[in-house]
Amino acid sequence: MPSPCAPNPPHALPADLLADLVSVSKATLQKWEASGKITPYFDSHGQKCYDLRPLADFPDVAAMLQSDWAAESQVRPTRPYTSIELFAGAGGLAAGLEQAGFQAVALNEFDKHACATLRQNRPDWPVIEGDIRTVDFSPWAGVDFLSGGFPCQAFSYAGHQRGFADTRGTLFFEFARAIQATQPKVFLGENVRGLLAHDDGKTLATIQAAITELGYTLVPPKVLKAMLYRVPQKRERLMLVGIRNDLLSYAEFSWPTPYHTVLTMRDALKAGELYPCDVPASAGQSYPARKAEILSRVPQGGYWRDLPDDLQREYMKGSYHLGGGKTGMARRLAWNAPSLTLTCAPAQKQTERCHPEANRPLTVREYARVQTFPDDWAFAGPVSSQYKQIGNAVPVNLAAAVGRRLVALLNHIEAHASAACLSPEKPATPTASPAQLSLFA
């Protein structure tokens, strides 16, 4: 029998979270428990959790057990680092980078409601509203840092998968044009994880070739799981960091280490570790009466297959007989787990994000908390646009964690490049060697 444990047991996670973390089934965890490989406990909410320490051979578990989060959180810029952000959206990435210490000198966004959101929250941010193709970036030549999540529909498995044949995919080249015009010391691009394997890796190879032509070296790309960085959401983002070649010999970069635990919907919506109060009331969409009635039968963490068969058939209609899990349909979130990846529309049948208890979609403010926006970060435009802005955002806490490592990188470049300038010989580094790339953990 599992033994009782402290309210917040060290080195332990509930079964569902541990299964996600090590990418195994709960049945496998039960086998490990039976064999004595892992030790079960009960947490303060009565759910079974497991000691992580016997699973230290899994990289994500080892990283949590050896977390440097506290030390990394203390990193501050040695001087103000200027930044430009492209495809800024509602400001999730920009807000996180601001927390890390970057000072935005320009943000470009096409959507008028997202621009209004940026201006409302940060009146001092210079927001350039309009098509990136029309923006001349030369006035910001010499900026320290450039970032942006270039539109990912062309690379996402949820899109048309045409890569650069999709006109939206060509916006990467506008991202590259901005780099060419401004010559930042470092840049950050973010995208969906599907970009890694798209077109058998040819899409990423094309991007990397463009970066090389610009005189930059791409750190080996990494997919970061947001739930490891104080974000109560199972969201994954591919991060691309580039360093200007003349600064490469002074560069030292590592990805952020995970937080010591995984936060859940309870942390998102209730007072506690993540927020000092329960989530404020806000606008939100609602379900038709019959849909709400059906969803009332779905348990926490459940979906359409947890309904009685007659309700499954009623709700799913023709989809009932189709293949595939369709796990987003009639999906209810759970208090003791992170949210599924937020979408742009929480009330649509294919992308349901139902509150853990109430028979309704998450509200706008609840959505924002799952993305770790501050409660005072307001969103402009109609409710449907607010959901879209939030669903498309980079989680603020994830952005801040990456931002602190980028600040550390710039601090290191600043210190060592300045010292090298005093030396009679300045080393030239046109490209990265395998040995240099191995320095980037």
Protein backbone atom coordinates (compact mmCIF):
# COMPACT_ATOMS: atom_id res chain seq x y z
CA MET A 1 0.00 0.00 0.00
CA PRO A 2 1.23 3.50 -0.70
CA SER A 3 2.46 5.32 2.39
CA PRO A 4 1.26 8.78 3.38
CA CYS A 5 3.53 11.68 2.60
CA ALA A 6 3.94 15.37 3.35
CA PRO A 7 1.60 17.87 1.66
CA ASN A 8 4.30 18.68 -0.90
CA PRO A 9 6.57 15.62 -0.90
CA PRO A 10 10.06 16.26 -2.23
CA HIS A 11 11.03 14.42 -5.40
CA ALA A 12 7.52 13.09 -6.11
CA LEU A 13 4.87 13.47 -8.81
CA PRO A 14 1.36 12.08 -9.30
CA ALA A 15 1.10 9.06 -11.62
CA ASP A 16 -0.38 10.93 -14.59
CA LEU A 17 2.33 13.60 -14.51
CA LEU A 18 5.13 11.09 -14.08
CA ALA A 19 3.81 9.05 -17.02
CA ASP A 20 3.88 12.20 -19.18
CA LEU A 21 7.33 13.15 -17.96
CA VAL A 22 8.98 9.83 -18.81
CA SER A 23 6.69 9.05 -21.78
CA VAL A 24 5.33 5.74 -20.53
CA SER A 25 1.83 4.46 -19.76
CA LYS A 26 0.29 4.32 -16.30
CA ALA A 27 0.26 0.53 -16.71
CA THR A 28 4.05 0.65 -16.98
CA LEU A 29 4.21 2.68 -13.78
CA GLN A 30 2.11 0.05 -12.04
CA LYS A 31 4.52 -2.65 -13.21
CA TRP A 32 7.44 -0.62 -11.90
CA GLU A 33 5.61 -0.21 -8.59
CA ALA A 34 4.95 -3.95 -8.33
CA SER A 35 8.61 -4.71 -9.01
CA GLY A 36 9.76 -2.17 -6.42
CA LYS A 37 11.45 0.09 -8.97
CA ILE A 38 9.40 3.12 -7.85
CA THR A 39 7.85 3.96 -4.49
CA PRO A 40 4.24 5.17 -4.21
CA TYR A 41 2.94 7.82 -1.79
CA PHE A 42 -0.31 9.66 -1.16
CA ASP A 43 -0.21 13.43 -1.58
CA SER A 44 -2.26 15.99 0.38
CA HIS A 45 -5.19 15.57 -2.06
CA GLY A 46 -5.32 11.80 -1.63
CA GLN A 47 -3.90 10.92 -5.04
CA LYS A 48 -1.11 8.48 -5.59
CA CYS A 49 2.31 9.93 -6.38
CA TYR A 50 5.72 8.39 -6.97
CA ASP A 51 9.24 9.12 -5.82
CA LEU A 52 11.27 10.44 -8.76
CA ARG A 53 14.71 9.55 -7.52
CA PRO A 54 14.80 5.94 -8.79
CA LEU A 55 14.09 7.28 -12.30
CA ALA A 56 17.07 9.61 -12.47
CA ASP A 57 18.26 7.85 -15.64
CA PHE A 58 15.46 9.68 -17.52
CA PRO A 59 16.86 13.05 -18.69
CA ASP A 60 13.84 15.18 -17.70
CA VAL A 61 13.70 13.55 -14.26
CA ALA A 62 17.43 14.04 -13.74
CA ALA A 63 17.09 17.69 -14.74
CA MET A 64 14.30 18.24 -12.21
CA LEU A 65 16.26 16.55 -9.43
CA GLN A 66 19.34 18.67 -10.19
CA SER A 67 17.46 21.89 -10.94
CA ASP A 68 19.35 25.18 -10.91
CA TRP A 69 16.09 27.12 -11.18
CA ALA A 70 16.70 29.21 -8.07
CA ALA A 71 20.16 30.30 -9.22
CA GLU A 72 19.05 30.90 -12.82
CA SER A 73 16.16 33.05 -11.56
CA GLN A 74 18.70 35.48 -10.09
CA VAL A 75 20.39 36.23 -13.44
CA ARG A 76 20.22 39.92 -14.36
CA PRO A 77 21.64 41.80 -17.36
CA THR A 78 24.96 43.53 -16.74
CA ARG A 79 23.65 46.42 -18.85
CA PRO A 80 20.32 47.13 -20.57
CA TYR A 81 19.97 44.77 -23.56
CA THR A 82 17.83 46.16 -26.37
CA SER A 83 15.47 43.83 -28.22
CA ILE A 84 13.18 43.71 -31.23
CA GLU A 85 10.27 41.29 -31.43
CA LEU A 86 8.53 40.18 -34.62
CA PHE A 87 5.10 38.52 -34.83
CA ALA A 88 4.61 39.77 -31.27
CA GLY A 89 0.96 38.71 -30.83
CA ALA A 90 -0.50 39.47 -27.42
CA GLY A 91 2.92 39.73 -25.82
CA GLY A 92 3.54 36.39 -24.09
CA LEU A 93 7.10 36.14 -25.36
CA ALA A 94 7.74 39.87 -24.91
CA ALA A 95 6.40 39.87 -21.34
CA GLY A 96 8.61 36.93 -20.41
CA LEU A 97 11.67 38.51 -22.00
CA GLU A 98 10.88 41.74 -20.17
CA GLN A 99 10.85 39.81 -16.89
CA ALA A 100 14.28 38.44 -17.81
CA GLY A 101 15.60 41.98 -18.30
CA PHE A 102 15.30 42.82 -22.00
CA GLN A 103 14.19 46.30 -23.08
CA ALA A 104 11.99 46.28 -26.18
CA VAL A 105 12.78 49.01 -28.71
CA ALA A 106 10.34 47.76 -31.38
CA LEU A 107 7.58 45.16 -31.70
CA ASN A 108 5.89 44.28 -34.98
CA GLU A 109 2.44 42.69 -35.21
CA PHE A 110 -0.16 42.52 -37.97
CA ASP A 111 -3.35 41.80 -35.97
CA LYS A 112 -5.04 45.01 -34.83
CA HIS A 113 -6.51 43.52 -31.65
CA ALA A 114 -3.14 42.08 -30.59
CA CYS A 115 -1.54 45.49 -31.24
CA ALA A 116 -4.19 47.10 -29.05
CA THR A 117 -3.39 44.55 -26.35
CA LEU A 118 0.31 45.40 -26.50
CA ARG A 119 -0.32 49.16 -26.34
CA GLN A 120 -2.83 48.83 -23.51
CA ASN A 121 -0.43 46.88 -21.31
CA ARG A 122 2.83 48.60 -22.24
CA PRO A 123 2.19 52.14 -23.54
CA ASP A 124 5.95 52.72 -23.71
CA TRP A 125 6.57 49.80 -26.08
CA PRO A 126 7.03 51.04 -29.68
CA VAL A 127 4.46 48.87 -31.50
CA ILE A 128 4.68 48.80 -35.31
CA GLU A 129 1.27 47.71 -36.56
CA GLY A 130 1.24 46.26 -40.06
CA ASP A 131 2.63 43.73 -42.50
CA ILE A 132 6.23 42.81 -41.71
CA ARG A 133 7.01 42.89 -45.43
CA THR A 134 6.66 46.68 -45.34
CA VAL A 135 8.89 47.32 -42.33
CA ASP A 136 12.37 48.80 -42.78
CA PHE A 137 14.48 47.42 -39.92
CA SER A 138 17.65 49.40 -40.69
CA PRO A 139 16.95 52.07 -37.99
CA TRP A 140 17.56 49.35 -35.36
CA ALA A 141 20.92 48.21 -36.67
CA GLY A 142 23.12 47.15 -33.77
CA VAL A 143 20.29 46.00 -31.51
CA ASP A 144 21.45 43.38 -28.99
CA PHE A 145 18.74 40.80 -29.52
CA LEU A 146 15.95 39.88 -31.92
CA SER A 147 13.14 37.39 -31.32
CA GLY A 148 9.91 36.17 -32.81
CA GLY A 149 7.62 33.24 -33.37
CA PHE A 150 7.37 33.28 -37.14
CA PRO A 151 3.98 31.87 -38.21
CA CYS A 152 3.98 28.13 -37.80
CA GLN A 153 0.86 26.96 -39.65
CA ALA A 154 2.97 25.91 -42.62
CA PHE A 155 5.09 23.66 -40.42
CA SER A 156 2.44 22.31 -38.04
CA TYR A 157 0.93 18.87 -38.37
CA ALA A 158 -2.40 20.63 -37.89
CA GLY A 159 -1.78 22.72 -41.02
CA HIS A 160 -1.31 21.86 -44.68
CA GLN A 161 2.28 20.63 -44.24
CA ARG A 162 3.49 22.39 -47.39
CA GLY A 163 6.38 24.12 -45.63
CA PHE A 164 7.90 26.81 -47.78
CA ALA A 165 5.32 26.18 -50.50
CA ASP A 166 2.77 27.61 -48.07
CA THR A 167 2.90 31.41 -48.35
CA ARG A 168 2.76 31.74 -44.57
CA GLY A 169 5.95 29.73 -44.36
CA THR A 170 7.81 32.36 -46.37
CA LEU A 171 7.42 34.78 -43.46
CA PHE A 172 10.50 33.08 -42.03
CA PHE A 173 12.44 34.90 -44.71
CA GLU A 174 11.09 38.21 -43.34
CA PHE A 175 12.46 37.10 -39.98
CA ALA A 176 15.80 36.47 -41.73
CA ARG A 177 15.63 39.87 -43.46
CA ALA A 178 15.24 41.58 -40.09
CA ILE A 179 18.29 39.71 -38.78
CA GLN A 180 20.29 40.78 -41.82
CA ALA A 181 19.30 44.43 -41.39
CA THR A 182 19.86 44.68 -37.62
CA GLN A 183 22.75 42.23 -37.06
CA PRO A 184 21.81 41.37 -33.46
CA LYS A 185 24.34 39.59 -31.32
CA VAL A 186 21.83 36.81 -30.63
CA PHE A 187 18.39 35.87 -31.91
CA LEU A 188 15.59 33.56 -30.77
CA GLY A 189 13.02 31.95 -33.04
CA GLU A 190 10.23 29.75 -31.74
CA ASN A 191 7.89 27.36 -33.50
CA VAL A 192 5.95 24.11 -33.20
CA ARG A 193 7.90 20.89 -32.62
CA GLY A 194 6.62 19.59 -35.97
CA LEU A 195 9.15 21.84 -37.68
CA LEU A 196 11.93 19.46 -36.61
CA ALA A 197 10.67 16.58 -38.76
CA HIS A 198 8.73 18.48 -41.42
CA ASP A 199 9.46 17.26 -44.96
CA ASP A 200 11.98 14.74 -43.54
CA GLY A 201 14.00 17.56 -42.00
CA LYS A 202 14.37 19.53 -45.25
CA THR A 203 12.40 22.53 -43.93
CA LEU A 204 14.68 22.94 -40.92
CA ALA A 205 17.74 22.37 -43.12
CA THR A 206 16.58 25.21 -45.38
CA ILE A 207 16.14 27.48 -42.36
CA GLN A 208 19.57 26.53 -41.04
CA ALA A 209 21.16 27.23 -44.43
CA ALA A 210 19.59 30.69 -44.48
CA ILE A 211 20.91 31.37 -40.96
CA THR A 212 24.41 30.28 -42.00
CA GLU A 213 24.33 32.63 -45.00
CA LEU A 214 23.53 35.49 -42.62
CA GLY A 215 26.72 34.84 -40.65
CA TYR A 216 25.16 33.13 -37.64
CA THR A 217 25.53 29.75 -36.01
CA LEU A 218 22.43 27.91 -34.86
CA VAL A 219 22.65 26.25 -31.46
CA PRO A 220 21.27 22.69 -31.79
CA PRO A 221 17.48 23.31 -31.64
CA LYS A 222 15.58 22.06 -28.63
CA VAL A 223 11.93 21.27 -27.91
CA LEU A 224 11.03 22.61 -24.48
CA LYS A 225 8.09 21.20 -22.50
CA ALA A 226 6.35 24.18 -20.94
CA MET A 227 5.13 22.16 -17.97
CA LEU A 228 8.76 21.86 -16.80
CA TYR A 229 9.09 25.64 -16.48
CA ARG A 230 6.33 26.70 -14.05
CA VAL A 231 3.62 26.57 -16.73
CA PRO A 232 0.51 24.51 -15.84
CA GLN A 233 0.09 23.29 -19.41
CA LYS A 234 1.27 20.39 -21.58
CA ARG A 235 2.59 22.61 -24.35
CA GLU A 236 5.75 22.09 -26.38
CA ARG A 237 7.68 24.71 -28.36
CA LEU A 238 10.74 24.39 -30.56
CA MET A 239 13.38 26.99 -29.73
CA LEU A 240 16.00 28.20 -32.21
CA VAL A 241 18.91 30.27 -30.84
CA GLY A 242 21.42 31.84 -33.21
CA ILE A 243 24.71 33.53 -32.30
CA ARG A 244 26.58 35.91 -34.59
CA ASN A 245 29.75 34.20 -35.77
CA ASP A 246 32.19 36.94 -34.74
CA LEU A 247 30.99 36.49 -31.14
CA LEU A 248 30.93 32.72 -31.10
CA SER A 249 34.28 32.30 -29.36
CA TYR A 250 32.93 34.32 -26.43
CA ALA A 251 29.61 32.53 -26.24
CA GLU A 252 28.49 30.14 -23.55
CA PHE A 253 24.87 28.99 -23.63
CA SER A 254 22.75 26.40 -21.86
CA TRP A 255 19.01 25.81 -21.95
CA PRO A 256 17.06 26.54 -18.75
CA THR A 257 16.87 23.77 -16.19
CA PRO A 258 13.38 22.62 -15.18
CA TYR A 259 11.53 23.76 -12.09
CA HIS A 260 11.59 21.22 -9.27
CA THR A 261 7.96 20.16 -9.78
CA VAL A 262 5.09 20.30 -12.27
CA LEU A 263 2.22 22.75 -11.70
CA THR A 264 -1.42 21.92 -12.39
CA MET A 265 -4.80 23.48 -13.10
CA ARG A 266 -5.24 23.92 -9.36
CA ASP A 267 -2.08 26.07 -9.33
CA ALA A 268 -3.40 28.01 -12.32
CA LEU A 269 -6.87 28.83 -11.02
CA LYS A 270 -6.54 28.76 -7.23
CA ALA A 271 -4.48 30.83 -4.80
CA GLY A 272 -1.12 29.20 -4.18
CA GLU A 273 2.37 28.95 -5.54
CA LEU A 274 1.69 30.51 -8.92
CA TYR A 275 -0.85 33.27 -8.07
CA PRO A 276 -1.71 34.95 -4.73
CA CYS A 277 -5.48 34.73 -5.25
CA ASP A 278 -8.13 32.69 -7.03
CA VAL A 279 -8.62 33.53 -10.68
CA PRO A 280 -10.63 36.75 -11.18
CA ALA A 281 -14.01 36.61 -12.92
CA SER A 282 -13.98 37.48 -16.60
CA ALA A 283 -15.83 37.09 -19.86
CA GLY A 284 -15.98 33.75 -21.59
CA GLN A 285 -17.91 31.61 -24.02
CA SER A 286 -20.64 29.19 -23.00
CA TYR A 287 -22.13 25.93 -24.25
CA PRO A 288 -25.63 25.35 -25.57
CA ALA A 289 -27.83 23.77 -22.89
CA ARG A 290 -27.72 20.24 -24.30
CA LYS A 291 -23.95 20.28 -24.76
CA ALA A 292 -23.49 21.48 -21.17
CA GLU A 293 -25.77 18.67 -20.00
CA ILE A 294 -23.72 16.06 -21.85
CA LEU A 295 -20.41 17.46 -20.63
CA SER A 296 -21.69 17.33 -17.07
CA ARG A 297 -21.34 13.54 -17.41
CA VAL A 298 -17.64 13.72 -18.33
CA PRO A 299 -15.31 13.22 -15.32
CA GLN A 300 -12.21 15.31 -14.66
CA GLY A 301 -9.51 14.42 -17.13
CA GLY A 302 -12.05 12.54 -19.24
CA TYR A 303 -13.39 12.89 -22.77
CA TRP A 304 -16.16 11.54 -24.99
CA ARG A 305 -15.27 7.87 -24.45
CA ASP A 306 -16.11 8.30 -20.75
CA LEU A 307 -19.77 8.97 -21.65
CA PRO A 308 -22.45 6.27 -21.82
CA ASP A 309 -22.64 4.79 -25.31
CA ASP A 310 -25.92 6.51 -26.20
CA LEU A 311 -24.45 9.91 -25.32
CA GLN A 312 -21.27 9.10 -27.21
CA ARG A 313 -23.33 8.48 -30.33
CA GLU A 314 -25.41 11.62 -29.81
CA TYR A 315 -22.43 13.85 -29.21
CA MET A 316 -20.06 12.44 -31.81
CA LYS A 317 -22.62 11.85 -34.56
CA GLY A 318 -20.81 10.59 -37.69
CA SER A 319 -17.42 10.84 -36.00
CA TYR A 320 -18.45 8.02 -33.66
CA HIS A 321 -17.67 5.46 -36.39
CA LEU A 322 -14.42 7.06 -37.60
CA GLY A 323 -10.95 5.96 -36.55
CA GLY A 324 -8.56 7.84 -34.32
CA GLY A 325 -8.77 8.72 -30.66
CA LYS A 326 -10.29 12.20 -31.11
CA THR A 327 -9.16 12.86 -27.53
CA GLY A 328 -9.89 16.61 -27.72
CA MET A 329 -13.62 16.06 -28.11
CA ALA A 330 -15.77 16.56 -25.00
CA ARG A 331 -12.54 17.00 -23.07
CA ARG A 332 -12.68 18.11 -19.44
CA LEU A 333 -9.54 19.33 -17.71
CA ALA A 334 -8.52 18.08 -14.25
CA TRP A 335 -7.46 19.96 -11.13
CA ASN A 336 -4.52 17.64 -10.45
CA ALA A 337 -2.95 17.83 -13.92
CA PRO A 338 -1.67 20.55 -16.24
CA SER A 339 -4.01 21.75 -18.95
CA LEU A 340 -3.81 20.28 -22.39
CA THR A 341 -2.24 22.65 -24.94
CA LEU A 342 -4.53 25.63 -25.26
CA THR A 343 -6.01 26.23 -28.69
CA CYS A 344 -7.51 29.36 -30.23
CA ALA A 345 -11.09 28.27 -29.53
CA PRO A 346 -11.86 26.42 -26.27
CA ALA A 347 -15.53 25.77 -27.09
CA GLN A 348 -15.11 24.13 -30.48
CA LYS A 349 -15.99 20.46 -30.62
CA GLN A 350 -12.57 19.31 -31.79
CA THR A 351 -10.58 21.41 -29.29
CA GLU A 352 -12.66 21.28 -26.12
CA ARG A 353 -11.14 22.77 -22.99
CA CYS A 354 -13.87 22.38 -20.37
CA HIS A 355 -13.39 23.67 -16.82
CA PRO A 356 -12.51 20.93 -14.28
CA GLU A 357 -15.85 21.35 -12.44
CA ALA A 358 -18.10 23.90 -14.15
CA ASN A 359 -19.88 22.85 -17.34
CA ARG A 360 -18.39 25.56 -19.53
CA PRO A 361 -15.18 26.39 -21.39
CA LEU A 362 -12.39 28.16 -19.55
CA THR A 363 -12.95 31.91 -19.33
CA VAL A 364 -10.56 34.43 -20.86
CA ARG A 365 -8.85 35.04 -17.52
CA GLU A 366 -8.57 31.31 -16.84
CA TYR A 367 -7.06 30.88 -20.29
CA ALA A 368 -4.56 33.64 -19.54
CA ARG A 369 -3.55 32.02 -16.26
CA VAL A 370 -2.83 28.70 -17.96
CA GLN A 371 -0.45 30.70 -20.19
CA THR A 372 0.96 32.37 -17.01
CA PHE A 373 0.04 35.93 -18.01
CA PRO A 374 -0.16 38.29 -15.01
CA ASP A 375 -3.71 39.01 -13.85
CA ASP A 376 -3.31 42.67 -14.80
CA TRP A 377 -2.45 41.83 -18.42
CA ALA A 378 -5.59 42.91 -20.30
CA PHE A 379 -6.69 41.69 -23.73
CA ALA A 380 -8.32 43.86 -26.38
CA GLY A 381 -10.96 43.01 -28.96
CA PRO A 382 -13.95 40.65 -28.96
CA VAL A 383 -13.85 37.55 -26.75
CA SER A 384 -13.13 35.28 -29.71
CA SER A 385 -10.05 37.37 -30.54
CA GLN A 386 -8.91 37.35 -26.91
CA TYR A 387 -9.02 33.55 -26.85
CA LYS A 388 -7.06 33.47 -30.12
CA GLN A 389 -4.44 35.89 -28.83
CA ILE A 390 -3.93 33.86 -25.66
CA GLY A 391 -3.98 30.49 -27.43
CA ASN A 392 -1.28 31.62 -29.87
CA ALA A 393 0.99 33.09 -27.18
CA VAL A 394 4.22 31.73 -25.79
CA PRO A 395 3.66 30.98 -22.08
CA VAL A 396 5.13 33.90 -20.15
CA ASN A 397 7.00 31.77 -17.61
CA LEU A 398 8.57 29.65 -20.36
CA ALA A 399 9.66 32.82 -22.17
CA ALA A 400 11.14 34.21 -18.95
CA ALA A 401 13.10 31.00 -18.28
CA VAL A 402 14.59 31.02 -21.79
CA GLY A 403 15.12 34.78 -21.56
CA ARG A 404 17.24 34.48 -18.42
CA ARG A 405 19.55 32.02 -20.18
CA LEU A 406 19.81 34.42 -23.13
CA VAL A 407 20.68 37.25 -20.74
CA ALA A 408 23.37 35.01 -19.24
CA LEU A 409 24.67 34.36 -22.77
CA LEU A 410 24.82 38.08 -23.55
CA ASN A 411 26.46 38.78 -20.19
CA HIS A 412 29.16 36.24 -21.03
CA ILE A 413 29.67 37.69 -24.52
CA GLU A 414 29.77 41.21 -23.10
CA ALA A 415 32.43 40.36 -20.53
CA HIS A 416 34.68 38.25 -22.73
CA ALA A 417 34.34 40.23 -25.97
CA SER A 418 35.24 43.42 -24.09
CA ALA A 419 38.32 41.73 -22.68
CA ALA A 420 39.30 40.42 -26.13
CA CYS A 421 39.10 43.94 -27.60
CA LEU A 422 41.93 44.96 -25.26
CA SER A 423 44.12 42.14 -26.57
CA PRO A 424 46.38 42.72 -29.61
CA GLU A 425 44.83 39.83 -31.48
CA LYS A 426 41.10 39.26 -31.81
CA PRO A 427 40.23 35.66 -32.72
CA ALA A 428 38.11 35.17 -35.84
CA THR A 429 35.43 32.51 -35.76
CA PRO A 430 33.61 32.27 -39.07
CA THR A 431 31.67 29.12 -38.21
CA ALA A 432 31.22 26.81 -35.27
CA SER A 433 33.27 23.66 -34.97
CA PRO A 434 31.74 20.45 -33.55
CA ALA A 435 33.71 21.08 -30.37
CA GLN A 436 32.19 24.54 -30.00
CA LEU A 437 28.69 23.25 -30.62
CA SER A 438 29.22 20.70 -27.86
CA LEU A 439 29.50 23.61 -25.40
CA PHE A 440 25.82 24.42 -25.94
CA ALA A 441 23.99 22.13 -23.53
